[in-house]
N, C-alpha and C. Protein backbone atom coordinates (compact mmCIF):
# COMPACT_ATOMS: atom_id res chain seq x y z
N UNK A 1 0.97 -1.07 -0.28
CA UNK A 1 0.10 0.01 0.15
C UNK A 1 1.02 1.18 0.11
N UNK A 2 1.03 2.36 -0.90
CA UNK A 2 1.29 3.58 -0.90
C UNK A 2 0.68 4.19 -0.50
N UNK A 3 1.93 5.48 0.37
CA UNK A 3 0.75 6.50 0.97
C UNK A 3 1.00 7.56 0.05
N UNK A 4 0.05 8.49 0.09
CA UNK A 4 0.58 9.62 -0.96
C UNK A 4 0.58 11.08 0.09
N UNK A 5 2.54 11.25 0.34
CA UNK A 5 2.86 12.46 0.50
C UNK A 5 3.93 13.17 0.02
N UNK A 6 3.44 14.40 -0.98
CA UNK A 6 4.56 14.26 -2.26
C UNK A 6 4.92 15.48 -1.14
N UNK A 7 6.75 16.20 -1.67
CA UNK A 7 7.22 16.86 -1.33
C UNK A 7 7.17 17.79 -2.68
N UNK A 8 6.81 19.48 -1.95
CA UNK A 8 7.33 20.45 -3.05
C UNK A 8 8.33 21.22 -2.13
N UNK A 9 9.75 21.23 -3.29
CA UNK A 9 10.97 22.11 -2.75
C UNK A 9 11.23 23.30 -3.81
N UNK A 10 11.64 24.73 -2.97
CA UNK A 10 11.87 26.26 -3.43
C UNK A 10 13.02 26.24 -2.43
N UNK A 11 12.72 27.95 -3.21
CA UNK A 11 13.51 28.65 -2.67
C UNK A 11 13.97 30.35 -2.85
N UNK A 12 14.78 30.83 -2.70
CA UNK A 12 14.99 31.87 -3.09
C UNK A 12 15.53 32.08 -4.12
N UNK A 13 15.77 33.28 -4.83
CA UNK A 13 16.43 33.95 -6.20
C UNK A 13 17.66 33.39 -6.05
N UNK A 14 18.46 34.02 -4.86
CA UNK A 14 20.40 33.15 -5.04
C UNK A 14 20.37 31.41 -5.05
N UNK A 15 19.08 31.27 -3.69
CA UNK A 15 19.60 29.60 -3.28
C UNK A 15 20.18 29.92 -2.06
N UNK A 16 20.36 30.99 -1.56
CA UNK A 16 21.01 30.51 0.04
C UNK A 16 20.25 30.22 0.62
N UNK A 17 18.95 30.06 0.36
CA UNK A 17 17.92 29.97 1.59
C UNK A 17 17.03 28.77 0.71
N UNK A 18 16.20 27.41 1.11
CA UNK A 18 15.92 26.40 -0.14
C UNK A 18 15.03 25.66 1.05
N UNK A 19 14.18 25.34 0.68
CA UNK A 19 12.97 24.38 1.93
C UNK A 19 12.49 23.32 0.73
N UNK A 20 11.79 22.58 1.65
CA UNK A 20 11.12 21.40 1.36
C UNK A 20 10.28 21.07 2.26
N UNK A 21 8.55 21.41 1.96
CA UNK A 21 7.49 21.17 1.84
C UNK A 21 7.07 19.86 1.67
N UNK A 22 6.92 19.11 2.94
CA UNK A 22 5.78 18.00 2.67
C UNK A 22 4.03 17.08 3.22
N UNK A 23 3.99 16.86 2.14
CA UNK A 23 2.23 16.43 2.37
C UNK A 23 1.78 17.33 1.43
N UNK A 24 0.28 17.81 1.77
CA UNK A 24 -0.21 18.60 0.94
C UNK A 24 -0.50 19.79 2.08
N UNK A 25 -0.63 20.76 0.92
CA UNK A 25 -0.79 21.96 1.51
C UNK A 25 -2.23 22.49 2.72
N UNK A 26 -2.21 23.13 3.76
CA UNK A 26 -3.54 23.42 4.62
C UNK A 26 -4.43 24.19 4.06
N UNK A 27 -3.73 25.28 2.85
CA UNK A 27 -4.10 26.53 2.45
C UNK A 27 -3.80 27.44 1.29
N UNK A 28 -4.23 28.15 1.06
CA UNK A 28 -3.99 29.26 -0.07
C UNK A 28 -4.49 29.94 -0.51
N UNK A 29 -3.73 31.59 -0.88
CA UNK A 29 -4.91 32.68 -0.80
C UNK A 29 -3.98 33.14 -1.85
N UNK A 30 -4.95 34.17 -2.53
CA UNK A 30 -4.51 35.25 -2.82
C UNK A 30 -4.78 36.63 -1.86
N UNK A 31 -3.63 37.34 -1.67
CA UNK A 31 -3.78 38.66 -0.51
C UNK A 31 -3.71 39.84 -1.11
N UNK A 32 -4.31 40.75 -1.00
CA UNK A 32 -4.52 42.10 -1.83
C UNK A 32 -4.01 43.48 -0.86
N UNK A 33 -4.08 42.30 0.55
CA UNK A 33 -3.22 44.07 1.38
C UNK A 33 -2.39 44.95 0.80
N UNK A 34 -2.18 46.06 1.58
CA UNK A 34 -1.55 47.29 0.81
C UNK A 34 0.06 46.42 1.22
N UNK A 35 0.37 46.09 2.43
CA UNK A 35 1.76 45.67 3.08
C UNK A 35 2.18 44.19 2.05
N UNK A 36 1.50 43.36 1.52
CA UNK A 36 1.80 42.17 0.99
C UNK A 36 1.83 42.98 -0.31
N UNK A 37 0.98 43.71 -0.96
CA UNK A 37 1.69 43.82 -2.27
C UNK A 37 3.33 45.09 -2.24
N UNK A 38 3.40 45.67 -1.40
CA UNK A 38 4.74 46.17 -0.72
C UNK A 38 5.94 45.62 -1.16
N UNK A 39 5.02 44.48 0.03
CA UNK A 39 6.90 43.28 0.01
C UNK A 39 6.78 42.41 -1.04
N UNK A 40 5.90 42.44 -1.89
CA UNK A 40 6.08 41.89 -3.64
C UNK A 40 6.50 41.97 -4.63
N UNK A 41 6.19 43.71 -4.28
CA UNK A 41 6.30 44.33 -6.25
C UNK A 41 4.98 44.27 -6.81
N UNK A 42 3.63 43.92 -6.48
CA UNK A 42 2.69 43.55 -7.33
C UNK A 42 1.52 43.81 -6.97
N UNK A 43 0.82 43.14 -7.85
CA UNK A 43 -1.03 43.80 -7.45
C UNK A 43 -1.48 42.80 -6.17
N UNK A 44 -0.86 41.96 -6.57
CA UNK A 44 -1.32 40.62 -5.26
C UNK A 44 -0.47 40.04 -5.10
N UNK A 45 0.00 39.79 -3.65
CA UNK A 45 1.08 38.29 -3.48
C UNK A 45 -0.47 36.96 -3.29
N UNK A 46 0.65 35.85 -3.39
CA UNK A 46 0.14 34.55 -3.37
C UNK A 46 0.57 33.68 -2.15
N UNK A 47 -0.03 32.99 -1.72
CA UNK A 47 0.81 31.95 -0.81
C UNK A 47 0.10 31.20 -0.71
N UNK A 48 0.99 29.69 -0.04
CA UNK A 48 0.42 28.34 0.32
C UNK A 48 0.71 28.01 1.63
N UNK A 49 -0.45 27.28 2.14
CA UNK A 49 -0.14 27.42 3.78
C UNK A 49 0.56 25.70 4.12
N UNK A 50 1.60 26.14 5.17
CA UNK A 50 1.67 24.45 4.96
C UNK A 50 1.65 24.47 6.35
N UNK A 51 1.53 23.30 7.04
CA UNK A 51 1.80 22.69 8.83
C UNK A 51 3.62 23.44 8.91
N UNK A 52 3.22 24.26 9.55
CA UNK A 52 5.16 24.59 10.23
C UNK A 52 5.75 23.41 10.43
N UNK A 53 4.93 22.50 11.29
CA UNK A 53 6.49 20.99 11.10
C UNK A 53 6.37 20.19 9.46
N UNK A 54 5.98 20.30 9.18
CA UNK A 54 5.87 19.78 7.65
C UNK A 54 7.16 20.57 6.46
N UNK A 55 7.51 21.59 6.77
CA UNK A 55 8.57 22.37 6.31
C UNK A 55 10.20 22.41 6.79
N UNK A 56 10.97 21.88 5.88
CA UNK A 56 12.35 21.27 6.56
C UNK A 56 13.16 22.56 5.78
N UNK A 57 14.14 23.55 6.60
CA UNK A 57 15.13 24.52 5.52
C UNK A 57 16.27 24.01 5.56
N UNK A 58 17.39 24.45 4.24
CA UNK A 58 18.74 24.34 4.36
C UNK A 58 18.74 26.16 3.82
N UNK A 59 19.81 27.09 5.50
CA UNK A 59 19.28 28.32 5.33
C UNK A 59 18.03 28.29 6.12
N UNK A 60 18.39 29.87 6.61
CA UNK A 60 16.87 30.28 7.38
C UNK A 60 16.52 32.14 6.53
N UNK A 61 15.12 31.91 6.54
CA UNK A 61 14.90 32.67 6.12
C UNK A 61 15.26 33.97 6.93
N UNK A 62 15.37 35.26 7.17
CA UNK A 62 15.55 36.37 7.74
C UNK A 62 14.23 36.71 8.11
N UNK A 63 13.44 37.05 9.72
CA UNK A 63 12.35 37.51 9.35
C UNK A 63 12.33 39.30 9.97
N UNK A 64 11.06 39.43 9.12
CA UNK A 64 11.21 41.33 9.58
C UNK A 64 9.46 41.15 10.32
N UNK A 65 9.02 41.89 10.97
CA UNK A 65 8.18 42.08 11.67
C UNK A 65 7.48 43.32 10.92
N UNK A 66 6.47 42.83 10.37
CA UNK A 66 6.07 44.10 8.89
C UNK A 66 4.73 44.85 10.01
N UNK A 67 4.14 44.08 10.81
CA UNK A 67 3.24 44.78 11.66
C UNK A 67 2.87 43.82 12.73
N UNK A 68 2.55 44.20 14.59
CA UNK A 68 2.51 43.43 15.84
C UNK A 68 2.73 42.22 15.77
N UNK A 69 3.34 41.24 15.46
CA UNK A 69 3.30 39.39 15.66
C UNK A 69 2.94 38.71 14.32
N UNK A 70 3.38 39.67 12.79
CA UNK A 70 3.57 39.52 12.17
C UNK A 70 4.43 39.60 11.23
N UNK A 71 4.86 38.38 10.82
CA UNK A 71 6.80 38.16 10.22
C UNK A 71 6.54 37.77 8.69
N UNK A 72 7.65 38.63 8.08
CA UNK A 72 7.60 38.06 6.62
C UNK A 72 9.09 37.55 6.60
N UNK A 73 9.18 36.47 5.81
CA UNK A 73 10.69 35.74 6.05
C UNK A 73 11.33 36.23 4.49
N UNK A 74 12.56 36.71 4.84
CA UNK A 74 13.45 36.87 3.67
C UNK A 74 14.71 35.88 2.98
N UNK A 75 15.25 36.04 2.06
CA UNK A 75 16.60 35.51 2.10
C UNK A 75 17.46 36.45 2.78
N UNK A 76 18.67 36.59 3.32
CA UNK A 76 19.02 37.41 4.07
C UNK A 76 20.40 38.30 2.90
N UNK A 77 20.95 36.75 1.60
CA UNK A 77 21.53 37.60 0.73
C UNK A 77 20.92 38.42 -0.29
N UNK A 78 19.99 37.85 -1.00
CA UNK A 78 19.10 38.26 -2.16
C UNK A 78 18.25 39.10 -2.02
N UNK A 79 17.26 39.35 -0.80
CA UNK A 79 16.36 39.87 -0.36
C UNK A 79 15.23 39.15 -0.95
N UNK A 80 15.21 38.16 -1.20
CA UNK A 80 13.64 37.27 -1.92
C UNK A 80 13.22 37.53 -0.67
N UNK A 81 11.53 37.61 -1.14
CA UNK A 81 10.66 37.43 0.19
C UNK A 81 10.17 35.75 -0.03
N UNK A 82 9.86 35.02 0.97
CA UNK A 82 10.30 33.97 0.83
C UNK A 82 8.40 33.54 2.08
N UNK A 83 8.60 34.30 2.84
CA UNK A 83 7.21 33.13 3.88
C UNK A 83 6.65 34.62 4.40
N UNK A 84 5.44 34.30 5.04
CA UNK A 84 4.64 35.36 6.06
C UNK A 84 4.34 34.63 6.96
N UNK A 85 4.33 34.57 8.29
CA UNK A 85 3.71 33.39 9.61
C UNK A 85 3.28 35.02 10.72
N UNK A 86 2.08 34.51 11.25
CA UNK A 86 1.41 34.53 12.58
C UNK A 86 2.03 34.28 13.96
N UNK A 87 2.79 35.05 14.27
CA UNK A 87 3.61 34.77 15.24
C UNK A 87 2.83 34.09 16.78
N UNK A 88 1.62 34.27 16.82
CA UNK A 88 0.67 33.77 17.90
C UNK A 88 0.79 32.45 17.43
N UNK A 89 0.46 32.11 16.26
CA UNK A 89 -0.13 30.92 15.92
C UNK A 89 0.79 29.85 14.82
N UNK A 90 2.33 29.27 15.66
CA UNK A 90 2.89 28.82 15.00
C UNK A 90 2.93 27.59 14.17
N UNK A 91 1.60 27.31 14.44
CA UNK A 91 1.15 25.63 13.85
C UNK A 91 1.30 25.74 12.00
N UNK A 92 0.91 27.02 11.46
CA UNK A 92 1.16 26.93 9.80
C UNK A 92 2.17 28.26 9.82
N UNK A 93 2.86 28.14 8.48
CA UNK A 93 3.49 29.13 7.86
C UNK A 93 3.11 29.15 5.98
N UNK A 94 3.22 30.84 5.62
CA UNK A 94 2.51 30.82 4.18
C UNK A 94 3.86 30.81 2.90
N UNK A 95 4.40 30.29 2.74
CA UNK A 95 4.96 30.24 1.62
C UNK A 95 4.91 31.15 0.03
N UNK A 96 5.61 31.77 -0.08
CA UNK A 96 4.95 32.38 -1.31
C UNK A 96 4.95 31.12 -2.45
N UNK A 97 3.91 31.33 -3.71
CA UNK A 97 3.80 30.64 -4.35
C UNK A 97 5.22 30.33 -5.62
N UNK A 98 5.45 31.69 -6.02
CA UNK A 98 6.88 32.03 -6.61
C UNK A 98 7.80 31.60 -6.07
N UNK A 99 7.93 30.93 -5.24
CA UNK A 99 9.59 30.47 -4.28
C UNK A 99 9.14 28.68 -4.81
N UNK A 100 8.31 28.31 -5.12
CA UNK A 100 8.31 26.89 -5.11
C UNK A 100 8.81 26.59 -6.44
N UNK A 101 9.61 25.68 -6.44
CA UNK A 101 10.57 25.43 -8.38
C UNK A 101 9.41 24.73 -9.17
N UNK A 102 8.21 24.19 -8.59
CA UNK A 102 7.03 23.74 -9.31
C UNK A 102 5.62 24.07 -8.39
N UNK A 103 5.66 25.38 -8.72
CA UNK A 103 3.66 25.61 -8.38
C UNK A 103 2.97 25.48 -8.93
N UNK A 104 2.90 24.67 -10.02
CA UNK A 104 1.33 24.34 -10.72
C UNK A 104 0.47 23.51 -9.90
N UNK A 105 0.89 22.77 -8.81
CA UNK A 105 0.19 21.60 -8.10
C UNK A 105 -1.17 22.25 -7.25
N UNK A 106 -0.97 24.17 -7.02
CA UNK A 106 -1.16 24.63 -5.91
C UNK A 106 -2.66 25.43 -6.85
N UNK A 107 -3.94 25.46 -5.83
CA UNK A 107 -5.13 26.02 -6.09
C UNK A 107 -5.09 26.93 -4.77
N UNK A 108 -5.18 28.43 -5.13
CA UNK A 108 -5.96 29.36 -3.90
C UNK A 108 -6.74 29.09 -3.25
N UNK A 109 -7.62 29.12 -2.63
CA UNK A 109 -9.27 28.75 -1.79
C UNK A 109 -9.72 30.07 -1.87
N UNK A 110 -8.69 31.42 -1.54
CA UNK A 110 -9.72 32.80 -1.38
C UNK A 110 -8.91 33.46 -1.56
N UNK A 111 -9.59 34.46 -1.59
CA UNK A 111 -8.89 35.96 -2.15
C UNK A 111 -9.22 37.33 0.01
N UNK A 112 -7.87 37.47 0.02
CA UNK A 112 -7.96 38.24 1.19
C UNK A 112 -7.88 39.49 1.17
N UNK A 113 -8.53 40.69 2.13
CA UNK A 113 -8.34 41.75 2.35
C UNK A 113 -8.20 42.72 0.62
N UNK A 114 -10.30 41.90 0.16
CA UNK A 114 -10.63 42.77 -0.81
C UNK A 114 -10.84 44.00 -0.76
N UNK A 115 -11.00 44.90 0.19
CA UNK A 115 -11.41 46.21 0.21
C UNK A 115 -10.21 46.87 -0.08
N UNK A 116 -9.32 46.16 -0.60
CA UNK A 116 -7.68 47.04 -0.99
C UNK A 116 -7.57 46.44 -2.26
N UNK A 117 -8.35 45.22 -2.72
CA UNK A 117 -7.56 45.10 -3.95
C UNK A 117 -8.00 46.26 -5.15
N UNK A 118 -6.92 45.79 -5.92
CA UNK A 118 -7.26 46.92 -7.05
C UNK A 118 -8.02 46.35 -8.00
N UNK A 119 -9.01 47.43 -8.90
CA UNK A 119 -9.72 46.93 -9.01
C UNK A 119 -9.42 45.78 -10.28
N UNK A 120 -7.81 45.89 -10.77
CA UNK A 120 -8.41 45.22 -11.90
C UNK A 120 -7.81 43.48 -11.68
N UNK A 121 -7.37 43.57 -10.52
CA UNK A 121 -7.64 42.13 -9.64
C UNK A 121 -8.22 41.51 -8.78
N UNK A 122 -9.11 42.87 -8.60
CA UNK A 122 -10.73 42.07 -8.05
C UNK A 122 -11.27 41.07 -8.05
N UNK A 123 -11.51 40.78 -9.68
CA UNK A 123 -12.29 39.78 -9.92
C UNK A 123 -11.62 38.55 -10.42
N UNK A 124 -9.99 38.12 -9.86
CA UNK A 124 -9.45 36.94 -10.14
C UNK A 124 -10.38 36.23 -9.27
N UNK A 125 -10.29 34.43 -10.63
CA UNK A 125 -10.95 33.37 -10.13
C UNK A 125 -12.33 33.74 -8.94
N UNK A 126 -13.52 33.85 -9.63
CA UNK A 126 -14.64 34.17 -8.50
C UNK A 126 -15.32 33.26 -8.12
N UNK A 127 -14.81 32.21 -8.23
CA UNK A 127 -15.08 30.80 -7.62
C UNK A 127 -15.00 30.35 -6.41
N UNK A 128 -13.76 30.98 -5.75
CA UNK A 128 -13.45 30.94 -4.54
C UNK A 128 -13.85 32.42 -3.88
N UNK A 129 -13.60 32.24 -2.25
CA UNK A 129 -13.98 32.71 -1.17
C UNK A 129 -12.80 33.98 -1.98
N UNK A 130 -14.12 35.14 -1.34
CA UNK A 130 -13.13 36.84 -1.30
C UNK A 130 -13.70 37.15 -0.17
N UNK A 131 -12.40 37.23 0.48
CA UNK A 131 -12.88 37.73 2.12
C UNK A 131 -12.28 39.12 2.80
N UNK A 132 -12.92 39.76 3.35
CA UNK A 132 -12.17 40.99 3.80
C UNK A 132 -11.99 41.17 4.99
């Protein structure tokens, strides 16, 4: 009997920070908040959420506390934005979709901070939840 336990690898632009996430994600979202747009330099940020314990690291992201108790992880060498996490709940970690070697298996499950969404991005995938 085989068990389905996929692994998903990725890392930063320069390769100094690498990760492997095991198993299936527990969530995924498109975030439209102002901070995510600034952090990503894009109109929307897309994250895939994994249980923290299912992610192993080779090199560690440096944390920046972007608002009280909320941390954004980036490569200390090239500056690539890699993670977002809530310091009050360390059970999950959000990993930027673009940092995965193969982002195709993932699907966002919701849009966050829709009141901040740029009009041209607000209609993305209308079949998933839009949450304010």
